[in-house]
Amino acid sequence: MLAISALFLVAIEQSLGCPFCAAVGLTFSQEIKQSEAAVIARLVEPPPASALGPNAEGPLPQAKFEVVDVLKGEDLLRSTNLLDANTLIDAIMLEATAPGNLYLIMGIEPPEFIWSNPIAINQRAVTYLKKLEQLPESGPDRLAFFQQYLEDKDDVLARDAYDEFAIAPYDDVRGLENRMDPTALLQWIKTPRIPSNRRRLYATMLGICGTPAYAAEIEKILLGEDLGDDSSDLRSGLDALIACYVVLVGPTGLDLIDKLFLDRSSRDIPFTETYAAVMALRFLGEESETIPRERVLESLRLLLNEPKLADLVIADLARWQDWSVIAKLTTIYVNATPENIFVREPIVNYMKACPLPEAARALVKLREIDPEAVRRAATLAGLAGLTTTTEEDLPTEQPSATPVRLADVVADDVTTDRSMVVSTGSQPAAEGSQPGDGPILRPTNVPSTKSSLRWIFWLVLVVIVAFLSRYLLHSGKRDTAG
């Protein structure tokens, strides 16, 4: 039940985290923060075996625990007599285990308390948990503590340490540079059993603390040399590996990336590898202080040579104000076939974002060729809150014969051969603005009716989720009482 209320927190915190990492779950710190009480408890009475069978009926099985130590909410627990020697905690438990083991249990809604599912821990984990509240809220010093537990022999601690890095701002990770061990990071990257999400983190960290000497080993992985049966495992997390390599080598490292993953004129390259390279380029364009953005844009422009993949990079070109491809995008729009017709909408939004008169003239031509694509582009951008749909762009009564094709953004671990992505743009820059004055993709100053309705929809959705969460929590409490 605690996870329901945590969804919004996870989404917000992940948006600030390591650029290639995704948290597996809530960290211990996040879970304890959301609870009103958190205790280390010892199992006294396991649930009855009859209640754990596949055909068991009645309320969910419960076990009894005695409080050994308090991590949070001592006053609340004392006021409800839960710290008395003869008072036990009842918590749902779905496994058979021997008495005496230690668990982390968290509770909400005092004074009666609804307790979370117990998390099995050992004495090392108890020491770990007790140190959490002593750490800074954020910053490199906080991460220095968790770095000690990356790839710890206790997987519970290793997973929590990884999740702490995954939600940490990239600047915090970068601030740890002088306290990282590049040799250990490279060894973990080269270990096949390491999950791809952790390999991404270690590649990101190696890019921060490593030297060009480490790039040779990463290059072998990118080339697939001498990897044997472990090739697919070692090349998982390819986006972070590409970024790591380029940061270690410098701008010239992009020459190899172009050849291996972006220049598709002479050989077939799996789409997932090309997409991983695009993700790496986005990171380099935003975060790298050593790779010139113009060199990153040069690599991105290679995909315009394959119109079926052009939609992957058009929004990036617009976001970084690369207005050098107006003529090329116009040609792609004019020559679009049923195979890549979806590229027209992002091209339209690119032209709308561009402040140059050439783009305005091109937009007139695009509207003459396919007015429905222009209207669809305005609708998509309006739904994203980036542009205002004008009367000229409103759809006609008859729908277009060509459907708009949208697809999920895929990562390099996905095995699909191709995914169509329709990118959205923004309004043209204000008159007199100069490149670099600020982001070009921004909402209009005056909210539209659609925008207001969208916010009302989300507000209603949040209220419904909160109501259901509250209802389910109370239902659980009644079941426990029963």
Protein backbone atom coordinates (compact mmCIF):
# COMPACT_ATOMS: atom_id res chain seq x y z
CA MET A 1 0.00 0.00 0.00
CA LEU A 2 2.86 2.36 0.74
CA ALA A 3 3.97 2.06 -2.90
CA ILE A 4 0.76 3.68 -4.19
CA SER A 5 1.52 7.00 -2.54
CA ALA A 6 5.17 6.78 -3.62
CA LEU A 7 4.63 6.80 -7.39
CA PHE A 8 4.68 10.56 -7.78
CA LEU A 9 7.79 10.92 -5.58
CA VAL A 10 9.69 8.36 -7.66
CA ALA A 11 8.79 10.09 -10.93
CA ILE A 12 9.97 13.48 -9.66
CA GLU A 13 13.20 12.25 -8.13
CA GLN A 14 14.14 10.07 -11.11
CA SER A 15 13.85 13.06 -13.42
CA LEU A 16 16.88 14.55 -11.65
CA GLY A 17 18.93 11.38 -11.44
CA CYS A 18 21.85 9.72 -13.21
CA PRO A 19 21.28 10.28 -16.97
CA PHE A 20 21.47 6.59 -17.92
CA CYS A 21 20.21 4.99 -14.70
CA ALA A 22 16.77 3.98 -13.56
CA ALA A 23 16.04 3.18 -9.92
CA VAL A 24 14.85 -0.38 -9.32
CA GLY A 25 12.63 0.72 -6.44
CA LEU A 26 12.37 3.09 -3.53
CA THR A 27 15.49 3.43 -1.44
CA PHE A 28 15.42 2.64 2.26
CA SER A 29 15.71 6.37 2.94
CA GLN A 30 12.68 7.12 0.77
CA GLU A 31 10.58 4.40 2.39
CA ILE A 32 11.50 5.48 5.91
CA LYS A 33 10.80 9.11 5.02
CA GLN A 34 7.29 8.21 3.86
CA SER A 35 6.51 6.18 6.95
CA GLU A 36 5.53 7.53 10.35
CA ALA A 37 7.41 4.83 12.21
CA ALA A 38 10.22 2.47 11.26
CA VAL A 39 11.64 -0.27 13.47
CA ILE A 40 14.09 -3.12 13.53
CA ALA A 41 12.05 -6.08 14.76
CA ARG A 42 12.73 -9.69 15.60
CA LEU A 43 10.34 -12.40 14.45
CA VAL A 44 8.68 -14.03 17.46
CA GLU A 45 5.86 -16.04 15.94
CA PRO A 46 5.81 -16.94 12.22
CA PRO A 47 2.48 -17.17 10.40
CA PRO A 48 0.77 -20.57 10.71
CA ALA A 49 1.78 -22.98 7.96
CA SER A 50 -1.88 -23.65 7.14
CA ALA A 51 -2.33 -20.00 6.17
CA LEU A 52 0.53 -20.10 3.66
CA GLY A 53 -0.74 -22.87 1.42
CA PRO A 54 -2.02 -22.20 -2.12
CA ASN A 55 -5.56 -23.08 -1.09
CA ALA A 56 -5.57 -21.11 2.15
CA GLU A 57 -8.66 -19.01 2.79
CA GLY A 58 -9.46 -16.10 5.06
CA PRO A 59 -7.38 -13.02 5.93
CA LEU A 60 -3.79 -12.75 4.82
CA PRO A 61 -1.40 -14.56 7.20
CA GLN A 62 0.23 -12.49 9.90
CA ALA A 63 3.35 -12.89 12.02
CA LYS A 64 4.24 -11.36 15.38
CA PHE A 65 7.36 -9.27 15.97
CA GLU A 66 9.03 -7.61 18.94
CA VAL A 67 10.68 -4.21 18.50
CA VAL A 68 14.47 -4.36 18.85
CA ASP A 69 15.38 -0.84 17.77
CA VAL A 70 13.60 2.27 16.54
CA LEU A 71 14.69 4.15 13.43
CA LYS A 72 11.83 6.64 13.35
CA GLY A 73 8.74 7.58 15.38
CA GLU A 74 9.88 6.63 18.88
CA ASP A 75 7.46 9.05 20.57
CA LEU A 76 4.53 7.71 18.55
CA LEU A 77 5.44 4.13 19.36
CA ARG A 78 5.88 4.90 23.04
CA SER A 79 2.53 6.67 23.22
CA THR A 80 0.81 3.58 21.80
CA ASN A 81 2.68 1.19 24.13
CA LEU A 82 4.37 -0.58 21.21
CA LEU A 83 7.72 -0.31 22.98
CA ASP A 84 6.49 -2.20 26.05
CA ALA A 85 8.27 -5.49 26.64
CA ASN A 86 5.12 -7.61 26.22
CA THR A 87 3.66 -5.76 23.22
CA LEU A 88 4.11 -7.33 19.78
CA ILE A 89 3.60 -5.99 16.27
CA ASP A 90 1.28 -7.89 13.93
CA ALA A 91 2.34 -7.64 10.27
CA ILE A 92 1.35 -9.53 7.14
CA MET A 93 3.96 -12.14 6.21
CA LEU A 94 3.74 -14.49 3.24
CA GLU A 95 6.70 -16.76 3.85
CA ALA A 96 7.62 -19.50 6.29
CA THR A 97 10.74 -18.74 8.28
CA ALA A 98 12.25 -19.46 11.67
CA PRO A 99 11.79 -17.17 14.68
CA GLY A 100 14.69 -14.92 15.67
CA ASN A 101 15.44 -13.33 12.28
CA LEU A 102 15.60 -9.54 12.00
CA TYR A 103 13.33 -7.42 9.80
CA LEU A 104 12.79 -3.80 8.85
CA ILE A 105 9.12 -2.88 9.31
CA MET A 106 7.53 0.50 8.62
CA GLY A 107 4.14 1.79 9.68
CA ILE A 108 1.64 4.50 8.81
CA GLU A 109 -1.62 5.83 10.28
CA PRO A 110 -1.02 5.78 14.03
CA PRO A 111 -2.19 5.07 16.65
CA GLU A 112 -3.40 1.71 15.34
CA PHE A 113 -0.72 1.53 12.63
CA ILE A 114 -0.78 -0.28 9.32
CA TRP A 115 2.54 -2.10 8.96
CA SER A 116 4.44 -2.78 5.75
CA ASN A 117 5.57 -6.20 4.65
CA PRO A 118 8.67 -7.07 6.71
CA ILE A 119 12.02 -6.82 4.88
CA ALA A 120 14.55 -9.44 5.97
CA ILE A 121 17.88 -7.92 7.05
CA ASN A 122 21.06 -8.99 8.82
CA GLN A 123 23.22 -7.26 11.41
CA ARG A 124 25.30 -5.46 8.74
CA ALA A 125 22.09 -4.06 7.30
CA VAL A 126 21.04 -2.84 10.74
CA THR A 127 24.30 -0.90 11.02
CA TYR A 128 23.71 0.46 7.49
CA LEU A 129 20.17 1.58 8.29
CA LYS A 130 21.18 3.33 11.50
CA LYS A 131 23.70 5.46 9.60
CA LEU A 132 21.17 6.73 7.03
CA GLU A 133 19.73 9.54 9.12
CA GLN A 134 23.23 10.83 9.86
CA LEU A 135 23.96 11.42 6.15
CA PRO A 136 23.54 14.75 4.35
CA GLU A 137 20.26 15.07 2.43
CA SER A 138 22.18 15.22 -0.85
CA GLY A 139 25.60 15.88 -2.32
CA PRO A 140 28.82 13.94 -2.97
CA ASP A 141 29.40 13.22 0.73
CA ARG A 142 26.11 11.33 0.84
CA LEU A 143 27.05 9.30 -2.24
CA ALA A 144 30.50 8.56 -0.79
CA PHE A 145 28.78 6.46 1.88
CA PHE A 146 26.72 4.45 -0.62
CA GLN A 147 29.70 3.98 -2.95
CA GLN A 148 31.15 1.59 -0.36
CA TYR A 149 28.21 -0.75 -0.90
CA LEU A 150 28.10 -0.88 -4.70
CA GLU A 151 28.35 -4.60 -5.59
CA ASP A 152 28.28 -5.49 -1.89
CA LYS A 153 28.03 -9.18 -1.08
CA ASP A 154 24.67 -8.42 0.55
CA ASP A 155 22.46 -7.80 -2.48
CA VAL A 156 19.93 -5.86 -0.38
CA LEU A 157 22.58 -3.27 0.42
CA ALA A 158 24.06 -3.29 -3.10
CA ARG A 159 20.64 -2.67 -4.61
CA ASP A 160 19.88 0.19 -2.21
CA ALA A 161 23.27 1.79 -2.87
CA TYR A 162 22.66 1.62 -6.63
CA ASP A 163 19.20 3.18 -6.24
CA GLU A 164 20.70 6.06 -4.25
CA PHE A 165 23.04 6.80 -7.16
CA ALA A 166 20.23 6.39 -9.67
CA ILE A 167 18.13 9.15 -8.06
CA ALA A 168 21.04 11.47 -7.27
CA PRO A 169 21.53 14.58 -9.44
CA TYR A 170 24.28 14.11 -11.98
CA ASP A 171 26.21 17.02 -10.49
CA ASP A 172 26.34 15.15 -7.17
CA VAL A 173 27.79 12.08 -8.91
CA ARG A 174 30.31 14.26 -10.71
CA GLY A 175 31.32 15.82 -7.40
CA LEU A 176 32.49 12.39 -6.24
CA GLU A 177 35.17 12.25 -8.97
CA ASN A 178 38.26 12.25 -6.76
CA ARG A 179 36.85 9.55 -4.49
CA MET A 180 35.96 7.04 -7.22
CA ASP A 181 37.99 3.94 -8.06
CA PRO A 182 38.22 3.69 -11.88
CA THR A 183 39.89 0.28 -11.77
CA ALA A 184 37.02 -1.24 -9.79
CA LEU A 185 34.47 0.46 -12.07
CA LEU A 186 36.10 -0.96 -15.20
CA GLN A 187 36.21 -4.41 -13.63
CA TRP A 188 32.47 -4.26 -12.88
CA ILE A 189 31.74 -3.06 -16.43
CA LYS A 190 33.61 -6.10 -17.78
CA THR A 191 31.77 -8.55 -15.51
CA PRO A 192 29.02 -10.29 -17.55
CA ARG A 193 26.71 -10.98 -14.60
CA ILE A 194 26.39 -7.26 -13.76
CA PRO A 195 22.83 -6.08 -14.64
CA SER A 196 22.62 -3.55 -17.46
CA ASN A 197 21.28 -0.78 -15.22
CA ARG A 198 24.30 -1.05 -12.92
CA ARG A 199 26.68 -1.25 -15.90
CA ARG A 200 25.20 2.06 -17.07
CA LEU A 201 25.96 3.65 -13.71
CA TYR A 202 29.52 2.34 -13.64
CA ALA A 203 30.16 3.53 -17.21
CA THR A 204 28.83 6.96 -16.27
CA MET A 205 31.11 7.06 -13.23
CA LEU A 206 34.13 5.86 -15.25
CA GLY A 207 33.52 8.66 -17.70
CA ILE A 208 33.81 11.07 -14.79
CA CYS A 209 36.92 9.69 -13.09
CA GLY A 210 38.72 7.70 -15.79
CA THR A 211 41.60 8.60 -18.10
CA PRO A 212 42.11 7.95 -21.85
CA ALA A 213 43.97 4.76 -20.90
CA TYR A 214 40.66 3.18 -19.87
CA ALA A 215 39.05 4.02 -23.22
CA ALA A 216 40.83 1.14 -24.97
CA GLU A 217 38.94 -1.42 -22.89
CA ILE A 218 35.61 0.29 -23.53
CA GLU A 219 36.43 0.43 -27.25
CA LYS A 220 36.84 -3.36 -27.31
CA ILE A 221 33.32 -3.72 -25.93
CA LEU A 222 31.90 -1.28 -28.50
CA LEU A 223 33.64 -3.16 -31.31
CA GLY A 224 32.54 -6.52 -29.90
CA GLU A 225 36.11 -7.82 -30.01
CA ASP A 226 36.98 -11.04 -28.18
CA LEU A 227 33.80 -10.97 -26.11
CA GLY A 228 32.70 -14.51 -26.95
CA ASP A 229 29.39 -15.69 -25.51
CA ASP A 230 29.31 -12.72 -23.15
CA SER A 231 28.98 -10.16 -25.95
CA SER A 232 25.28 -9.35 -25.46
CA ASP A 233 25.71 -9.03 -21.67
CA LEU A 234 28.79 -6.81 -21.85
CA ARG A 235 27.22 -4.53 -24.47
CA SER A 236 24.02 -4.02 -22.48
CA GLY A 237 23.89 -0.45 -21.31
CA LEU A 238 25.35 0.55 -24.67
CA ASP A 239 24.22 4.18 -24.43
CA ALA A 240 26.28 4.79 -21.28
CA LEU A 241 29.25 2.88 -22.69
CA ILE A 242 29.25 5.08 -25.81
CA ALA A 243 29.09 8.26 -23.73
CA CYS A 244 31.86 6.98 -21.46
CA TYR A 245 34.12 6.22 -24.41
CA VAL A 246 33.63 9.62 -26.05
CA VAL A 247 34.21 11.51 -22.79
CA LEU A 248 37.45 9.58 -22.16
CA VAL A 249 38.79 9.97 -25.71
CA GLY A 250 37.48 13.44 -26.50
CA PRO A 251 35.73 14.79 -29.61
CA THR A 252 37.68 12.47 -31.93
CA GLY A 253 35.95 9.53 -30.22
CA LEU A 254 32.78 10.46 -32.11
CA ASP A 255 34.43 9.38 -35.36
CA LEU A 256 34.26 5.75 -34.21
CA ILE A 257 30.70 6.18 -32.93
CA ASP A 258 29.61 7.60 -36.28
CA LYS A 259 31.13 4.64 -38.09
CA LEU A 260 29.78 1.94 -35.76
CA PHE A 261 26.28 3.19 -35.02
CA LEU A 262 25.17 6.21 -37.06
CA ASP A 263 26.48 5.98 -40.63
CA ARG A 264 24.08 3.43 -42.07
CA SER A 265 24.91 4.08 -45.73
CA SER A 266 27.13 1.05 -46.23
CA ARG A 267 25.83 -1.54 -43.75
CA ASP A 268 22.85 -2.55 -41.67
CA ILE A 269 23.01 -1.43 -38.06
CA PRO A 270 20.44 -2.67 -35.51
CA PHE A 271 18.04 0.11 -34.66
CA THR A 272 18.56 -0.43 -30.94
CA GLU A 273 22.27 0.34 -31.33
CA THR A 274 21.57 3.50 -33.30
CA TYR A 275 19.05 4.59 -30.71
CA ALA A 276 21.59 3.97 -27.93
CA ALA A 277 24.04 6.21 -29.78
CA VAL A 278 21.41 8.95 -30.05
CA MET A 279 20.77 8.74 -26.30
CA ALA A 280 24.51 9.07 -25.67
CA LEU A 281 24.71 12.09 -27.97
CA ARG A 282 21.85 13.77 -26.12
CA PHE A 283 23.74 13.32 -22.89
CA LEU A 284 26.97 14.65 -24.39
CA GLY A 285 25.20 17.66 -25.85
CA GLU A 286 23.64 18.58 -22.52
CA GLU A 287 26.17 17.54 -19.89
CA SER A 288 29.65 17.26 -21.39
CA GLU A 289 32.01 20.20 -20.94
CA THR A 290 34.67 18.72 -23.24
CA ILE A 291 32.68 17.71 -26.34
CA PRO A 292 31.62 20.73 -28.44
CA ARG A 293 27.90 20.71 -29.15
CA GLU A 294 28.54 21.44 -32.83
CA ARG A 295 30.45 18.16 -33.06
CA VAL A 296 27.54 16.35 -31.43
CA LEU A 297 25.14 17.94 -33.92
CA GLU A 298 27.36 16.79 -36.78
CA SER A 299 26.85 13.20 -35.63
CA LEU A 300 23.11 13.64 -35.17
CA ARG A 301 22.75 15.05 -38.68
CA LEU A 302 24.01 11.75 -40.12
CA LEU A 303 20.61 10.21 -39.41
CA LEU A 304 18.96 12.68 -41.78
CA ASN A 305 20.53 10.61 -44.55
CA GLU A 306 18.10 7.83 -43.66
CA PRO A 307 14.62 9.43 -43.70
CA LYS A 308 13.07 6.54 -41.75
CA LEU A 309 15.21 7.51 -38.75
CA ALA A 310 15.24 11.28 -39.17
CA ASP A 311 12.46 11.74 -36.61
CA LEU A 312 14.85 10.53 -33.90
CA VAL A 313 16.97 13.68 -34.09
CA ILE A 314 14.81 16.49 -35.50
CA ALA A 315 13.63 17.65 -32.07
CA ASP A 316 17.24 17.62 -30.82
CA LEU A 317 18.35 19.78 -33.73
CA ALA A 318 15.59 22.25 -32.92
CA ARG A 319 16.28 22.23 -29.17
CA TRP A 320 19.93 23.10 -29.83
CA GLN A 321 18.97 25.66 -32.49
CA ASP A 322 20.66 23.97 -35.43
CA TRP A 323 18.89 25.73 -38.31
CA SER A 324 21.30 24.47 -40.98
CA VAL A 325 19.05 21.70 -42.27
CA ILE A 326 15.94 23.57 -43.40
CA ALA A 327 16.47 22.62 -47.05
CA LYS A 328 17.26 18.98 -46.22
CA LEU A 329 14.20 18.58 -44.01
CA THR A 330 12.02 20.16 -46.68
CA THR A 331 13.29 17.57 -49.16
CA ILE A 332 12.59 14.74 -46.73
CA TYR A 333 9.06 16.09 -46.21
CA VAL A 334 8.39 16.36 -49.95
CA ASN A 335 9.76 12.88 -50.69
CA ALA A 336 8.15 11.11 -47.71
CA THR A 337 6.67 7.70 -48.54
CA PRO A 338 4.19 5.56 -46.61
CA GLU A 339 7.24 4.00 -44.91
CA ASN A 340 8.35 7.27 -43.30
CA ILE A 341 5.31 9.55 -43.58
CA PHE A 342 5.43 9.98 -39.79
CA VAL A 343 8.51 12.20 -40.21
CA ARG A 344 6.38 15.07 -41.51
CA GLU A 345 4.97 16.17 -38.13
CA PRO A 346 8.36 16.71 -36.42
CA ILE A 347 9.60 18.53 -39.53
CA VAL A 348 6.63 20.91 -39.31
CA ASN A 349 7.35 21.62 -35.66
CA TYR A 350 11.04 22.18 -36.45
CA MET A 351 10.04 24.85 -38.98
CA LYS A 352 7.68 26.46 -36.46
CA ALA A 353 10.46 26.58 -33.87
CA CYS A 354 12.95 28.13 -36.28
CA PRO A 355 13.05 31.97 -36.23
CA LEU A 356 14.57 32.27 -39.73
CA PRO A 357 12.46 33.53 -42.66
CA GLU A 358 13.57 30.52 -44.72
CA ALA A 359 11.68 28.28 -42.28
CA ALA A 360 8.52 30.36 -42.58
CA ARG A 361 8.69 30.11 -46.37
CA ALA A 362 9.31 26.36 -46.14
CA LEU A 363 6.29 25.97 -43.85
CA VAL A 364 4.05 27.49 -46.50
CA LYS A 365 5.31 24.90 -48.96
CA LEU A 366 4.82 22.06 -46.46
CA ARG A 367 1.24 23.14 -45.84
CA GLU A 368 0.51 23.11 -49.58
CA ILE A 369 1.88 19.58 -49.96
CA ASP A 370 0.20 18.01 -46.92
CA PRO A 371 -2.05 20.34 -44.91
CA GLU A 372 -3.25 17.48 -42.73
CA ALA A 373 0.31 16.80 -41.51
CA VAL A 374 0.62 20.45 -40.52
CA ARG A 375 -2.65 20.25 -38.60
CA ARG A 376 -1.61 17.01 -36.89
CA ALA A 377 1.71 18.55 -35.89
CA ALA A 378 -0.10 21.52 -34.33
CA THR A 379 -2.43 19.16 -32.44
CA LEU A 380 0.45 17.05 -31.12
CA ALA A 381 2.42 20.11 -30.06
CA GLY A 382 -0.69 21.62 -28.47
CA LEU A 383 -1.33 18.45 -26.45
CA ALA A 384 2.24 18.70 -25.20
CA GLY A 385 1.61 22.33 -24.17
CA LEU A 386 4.32 23.59 -26.51
CA THR A 387 2.35 25.55 -29.11
CA THR A 388 -1.04 27.09 -29.61
CA THR A 389 -3.22 25.52 -32.29
CA THR A 390 -4.35 28.21 -34.73
CA GLU A 391 -7.64 28.21 -36.60
CA GLU A 392 -5.70 27.51 -39.78
CA ASP A 393 -4.29 24.34 -38.24
CA LEU A 394 -7.59 22.88 -36.99
CA PRO A 395 -8.35 19.45 -38.53
CA THR A 396 -10.99 19.14 -41.21
CA GLU A 397 -14.08 17.01 -40.76
CA GLN A 398 -12.58 14.18 -42.82
CA PRO A 399 -9.66 12.46 -41.11
CA SER A 400 -6.42 12.08 -42.99
CA ALA A 401 -5.98 8.85 -44.90
CA THR A 402 -2.57 8.47 -43.27
CA PRO A 403 -2.78 7.76 -39.52
CA VAL A 404 -0.38 9.40 -37.12
CA ARG A 405 2.00 6.74 -35.83
CA LEU A 406 3.29 7.03 -32.32
CA ALA A 407 5.50 4.58 -30.48
CA ASP A 408 7.20 4.15 -27.17
CA VAL A 409 10.74 5.37 -26.79
CA VAL A 410 12.83 2.20 -26.58
CA ALA A 411 16.11 1.52 -24.86
CA ASP A 412 19.01 -0.44 -26.26
CA ASP A 413 17.92 -3.58 -24.41
CA VAL A 414 14.71 -3.79 -26.47
CA THR A 415 14.86 -6.14 -29.43
CA THR A 416 12.36 -4.40 -31.72
CA ASP A 417 13.83 -3.53 -35.09
CA ARG A 418 12.25 -0.07 -35.41
CA SER A 419 10.13 2.30 -33.42
CA MET A 420 8.44 5.36 -34.89
CA VAL A 421 8.64 8.47 -32.75
CA VAL A 422 6.77 11.66 -33.49
CA SER A 423 8.61 14.60 -31.96
CA THR A 424 6.94 17.84 -30.97
CA GLY A 425 8.23 21.35 -31.44
CA SER A 426 7.40 24.81 -30.19
CA GLN A 427 6.49 28.30 -31.25
CA PRO A 428 9.05 30.40 -33.12
CA ALA A 429 11.41 32.43 -30.96
CA ALA A 430 10.35 35.93 -30.08
CA GLU A 431 11.40 38.71 -32.46
CA GLY A 432 14.90 39.93 -31.70
CA SER A 433 15.94 36.80 -29.82
CA GLN A 434 19.38 35.38 -30.45
CA PRO A 435 20.52 31.75 -30.54
CA GLY A 436 21.54 30.65 -27.08
CA ASP A 437 19.24 33.11 -25.27
CA GLY A 438 17.34 30.21 -23.74
CA PRO A 439 15.51 26.98 -24.55
CA ILE A 440 13.38 27.21 -27.66
CA LEU A 441 10.84 24.65 -26.56
CA ARG A 442 8.61 26.45 -24.10
CA PRO A 443 4.92 26.85 -23.40
CA THR A 444 3.02 29.93 -24.47
CA ASN A 445 2.38 32.66 -21.91
CA VAL A 446 -1.39 32.40 -22.18
CA PRO A 447 -2.79 28.97 -21.22
CA SER A 448 -5.17 27.46 -23.75
CA THR A 449 -8.49 25.82 -22.99
CA LYS A 450 -6.97 22.45 -23.83
CA SER A 451 -4.16 23.11 -21.38
CA SER A 452 -6.65 23.98 -18.63
CA LEU A 453 -8.68 20.86 -19.34
CA ARG A 454 -5.53 18.77 -19.24
CA TRP A 455 -4.61 20.11 -15.80
CA ILE A 456 -8.16 19.50 -14.56
CA PHE A 457 -7.97 15.92 -15.85
CA TRP A 458 -4.71 15.27 -13.99
CA LEU A 459 -6.09 16.85 -10.82
CA VAL A 460 -9.12 14.57 -10.93
CA LEU A 461 -6.86 11.58 -11.55
CA VAL A 462 -4.69 12.42 -8.54
CA VAL A 463 -7.79 12.78 -6.34
CA ILE A 464 -9.08 9.37 -7.53
CA VAL A 465 -5.72 7.70 -6.83
CA ALA A 466 -5.59 9.27 -3.36
CA PHE A 467 -9.13 8.11 -2.60
CA LEU A 468 -8.45 4.55 -3.77
CA SER A 469 -5.21 4.44 -1.81
CA ARG A 470 -7.00 5.57 1.35
CA TYR A 471 -9.82 3.09 0.78
CA LEU A 472 -7.44 0.18 0.23
CA LEU A 473 -5.43 1.06 3.32
CA HIS A 474 -8.55 1.07 5.45
CA SER A 475 -9.68 -2.19 3.86
CA GLY A 476 -6.34 -3.71 4.77
CA LYS A 477 -6.76 -2.49 8.32
CA ARG A 478 -10.19 -4.07 8.56
CA ASP A 479 -8.85 -7.34 7.18
CA THR A 480 -6.11 -7.25 9.78
CA ALA A 481 -8.63 -6.68 12.52
CA GLY A 482 -10.70 -9.57 11.20
